[in-house]
Amino acid sequence: WRLNNSRATKVVMTNKPVKQFLIDPYLETAEIDLSNNAAPVGGMSAPTRFQLFRNRTPSAPNPMQIQRDYEQRGGQQGKPIKGVEKGQ
């Protein structure tokens, strides 16, 4: 970077052919566009927000939701949560 701010080069000597490079895998630099950190392009790119949204797993109900459902059923099925009484 001493000679040219817009271009940097790095030589890597290996015994085997290189299949892929990933620049800054631990996200230590302040960079906005992370899609250009891998070569070949698209090799190890981070998932988009849409892909993360589509692949999320539904979470299990929390104790308050379980208690609410129990009270809405009128206490017909299941057990109330230990330590939580109706009306509290």
C-alpha atoms as a PDB file:
ATOM      1  CA  TRP A   1       0.000   0.000   0.000  1.00  0.00           C
ATOM      2  CA  ARG A   2       2.963   2.262   0.184  1.00  0.00           C
ATOM      3  CA  LEU A   3       3.115   2.745  -3.569  1.00  0.00           C
ATOM      4  CA  ASN A   4      -0.540   2.603  -4.634  1.00  0.00           C
ATOM      5  CA  ASN A   5      -3.621   3.191  -2.441  1.00  0.00           C
ATOM      6  CA  SER A   6      -6.122   1.715  -4.906  1.00  0.00           C
ATOM      7  CA  ARG A   7      -4.402  -1.636  -5.477  1.00  0.00           C
ATOM      8  CA  ALA A   8      -2.635  -4.079  -3.194  1.00  0.00           C
ATOM      9  CA  THR A   9      -0.953  -7.359  -4.124  1.00  0.00           C
ATOM     10  CA  LYS A  10       0.067 -10.340  -2.055  1.00  0.00           C
ATOM     11  CA  VAL A  11       2.093 -13.363  -3.184  1.00  0.00           C
ATOM     12  CA  VAL A  12       1.278 -16.684  -1.523  1.00  0.00           C
ATOM     13  CA  MET A  13       3.644 -19.607  -2.116  1.00  0.00           C
ATOM     14  CA  THR A  14       2.051 -23.059  -1.744  1.00  0.00           C
ATOM     15  CA  ASN A  15       2.836 -26.590  -2.864  1.00  0.00           C
ATOM     16  CA  LYS A  16      -0.775 -27.260  -3.894  1.00  0.00           C
ATOM     17  CA  PRO A  17      -3.048 -25.268  -6.186  1.00  0.00           C
ATOM     18  CA  VAL A  18      -5.225 -22.766  -4.340  1.00  0.00           C
ATOM     19  CA  LYS A  19      -8.973 -23.385  -4.640  1.00  0.00           C
ATOM     20  CA  GLN A  20     -10.236 -20.381  -2.772  1.00  0.00           C
ATOM     21  CA  PHE A  21      -9.192 -17.253  -0.857  1.00  0.00           C
ATOM     22  CA  LEU A  22     -11.135 -15.545   1.887  1.00  0.00           C
ATOM     23  CA  ILE A  23     -10.016 -12.077   2.882  1.00  0.00           C
ATOM     24  CA  ASP A  24     -10.724 -10.965   6.462  1.00  0.00           C
ATOM     25  CA  PRO A  25     -12.644 -14.057   7.693  1.00  0.00           C
ATOM     26  CA  TYR A  26     -12.958 -12.635  11.235  1.00  0.00           C
ATOM     27  CA  LEU A  27     -14.374  -9.277  10.037  1.00  0.00           C
ATOM     28  CA  GLU A  28     -11.585  -7.280  11.667  1.00  0.00           C
ATOM     29  CA  THR A  29     -11.656  -4.429   9.147  1.00  0.00           C
ATOM     30  CA  ALA A  30     -14.369  -1.797   8.899  1.00  0.00           C
ATOM     31  CA  GLU A  31     -15.780  -2.753   5.533  1.00  0.00           C
ATOM     32  CA  ILE A  32     -19.298  -2.277   4.226  1.00  0.00           C
ATOM     33  CA  ASP A  33     -19.357  -4.559   1.188  1.00  0.00           C
ATOM     34  CA  LEU A  34     -18.490  -8.082   2.359  1.00  0.00           C
ATOM     35  CA  SER A  35     -19.498  -9.729  -0.923  1.00  0.00           C
ATOM     36  CA  ASN A  36     -16.098  -9.015  -2.515  1.00  0.00           C
ATOM     37  CA  ASN A  37     -13.959 -10.703   0.169  1.00  0.00           C
ATOM     38  CA  ALA A  38     -13.808 -14.132  -1.489  1.00  0.00           C
ATOM     39  CA  ALA A  39     -12.162 -15.416  -4.650  1.00  0.00           C
ATOM     40  CA  PRO A  40     -13.587 -17.007  -6.741  1.00  0.00           C
ATOM     41  CA  VAL A  41     -16.552 -14.648  -6.508  1.00  0.00           C
ATOM     42  CA  GLY A  42     -19.458 -16.107  -4.535  1.00  0.00           C
ATOM     43  CA  GLY A  43     -17.346 -18.909  -3.092  1.00  0.00           C
ATOM     44  CA  MET A  44     -17.730 -18.096   0.594  1.00  0.00           C
ATOM     45  CA  SER A  45     -19.960 -15.043   0.604  1.00  0.00           C
ATOM     46  CA  ALA A  46     -22.063 -14.273   3.656  1.00  0.00           C
ATOM     47  CA  PRO A  47     -25.792 -15.029   3.386  1.00  0.00           C
ATOM     48  CA  THR A  48     -28.081 -12.121   2.581  1.00  0.00           C
ATOM     49  CA  ARG A  49     -30.684 -10.855   5.040  1.00  0.00           C
ATOM     50  CA  PHE A  50     -33.386 -12.533   2.952  1.00  0.00           C
ATOM     51  CA  GLN A  51     -31.577 -15.894   3.056  1.00  0.00           C
ATOM     52  CA  LEU A  52     -31.211 -15.602   6.831  1.00  0.00           C
ATOM     53  CA  PHE A  53     -34.921 -14.786   7.153  1.00  0.00           C
ATOM     54  CA  ARG A  54     -35.982 -17.748   4.984  1.00  0.00           C
ATOM     55  CA  ASN A  55     -33.699 -20.239   6.785  1.00  0.00           C
ATOM     56  CA  ARG A  56     -34.533 -19.305  10.362  1.00  0.00           C
ATOM     57  CA  THR A  57     -36.020 -21.976  12.573  1.00  0.00           C
ATOM     58  CA  PRO A  58     -39.128 -21.246  14.588  1.00  0.00           C
ATOM     59  CA  SER A  59     -38.330 -20.786  18.242  1.00  0.00           C
ATOM     60  CA  ALA A  60     -39.969 -22.810  20.982  1.00  0.00           C
ATOM     61  CA  PRO A  61     -42.638 -21.041  23.018  1.00  0.00           C
ATOM     62  CA  ASN A  62     -41.379 -19.341  26.150  1.00  0.00           C
ATOM     63  CA  PRO A  63     -42.910 -20.021  29.607  1.00  0.00           C
ATOM     64  CA  MET A  64     -45.196 -16.964  29.431  1.00  0.00           C
ATOM     65  CA  GLN A  65     -46.651 -18.141  26.105  1.00  0.00           C
ATOM     66  CA  ILE A  66     -47.204 -21.626  27.512  1.00  0.00           C
ATOM     67  CA  GLN A  67     -48.984 -20.196  30.559  1.00  0.00           C
ATOM     68  CA  ARG A  68     -51.141 -17.908  28.360  1.00  0.00           C
ATOM     69  CA  ASP A  69     -52.152 -20.830  26.150  1.00  0.00           C
ATOM     70  CA  TYR A  70     -52.979 -22.912  29.223  1.00  0.00           C
ATOM     71  CA  GLU A  71     -55.202 -20.173  30.610  1.00  0.00           C
ATOM     72  CA  GLN A  72     -56.916 -19.625  27.238  1.00  0.00           C
ATOM     73  CA  ARG A  73     -57.797 -23.328  27.126  1.00  0.00           C
ATOM     74  CA  GLY A  74     -59.350 -22.929  30.550  1.00  0.00           C
ATOM     75  CA  GLY A  75     -56.838 -25.277  32.114  1.00  0.00           C
ATOM     76  CA  GLN A  76     -58.200 -28.202  30.090  1.00  0.00           C
ATOM     77  CA  GLN A  77     -54.951 -29.663  28.767  1.00  0.00           C
ATOM     78  CA  GLY A  78     -51.435 -29.693  30.081  1.00  0.00           C
ATOM     79  CA  LYS A  79     -50.149 -28.333  33.352  1.00  0.00           C
ATOM     80  CA  PRO A  80     -49.621 -24.750  34.480  1.00  0.00           C
ATOM     81  CA  ILE A  81     -46.074 -23.561  34.908  1.00  0.00           C
ATOM     82  CA  LYS A  82     -44.613 -24.302  38.305  1.00  0.00           C
ATOM     83  CA  GLY A  83     -44.731 -21.261  40.582  1.00  0.00           C
ATOM     84  CA  VAL A  84     -47.199 -19.323  38.375  1.00  0.00           C
ATOM     85  CA  GLU A  85     -50.772 -19.298  39.536  1.00  0.00           C
ATOM     86  CA  LYS A  86     -53.868 -18.123  37.731  1.00  0.00           C
ATOM     87  CA  GLY A  87     -54.554 -14.406  38.186  1.00  0.00           C
ATOM     88  CA  GLN A  88     -50.991 -13.377  38.946  1.00  0.00           C
END
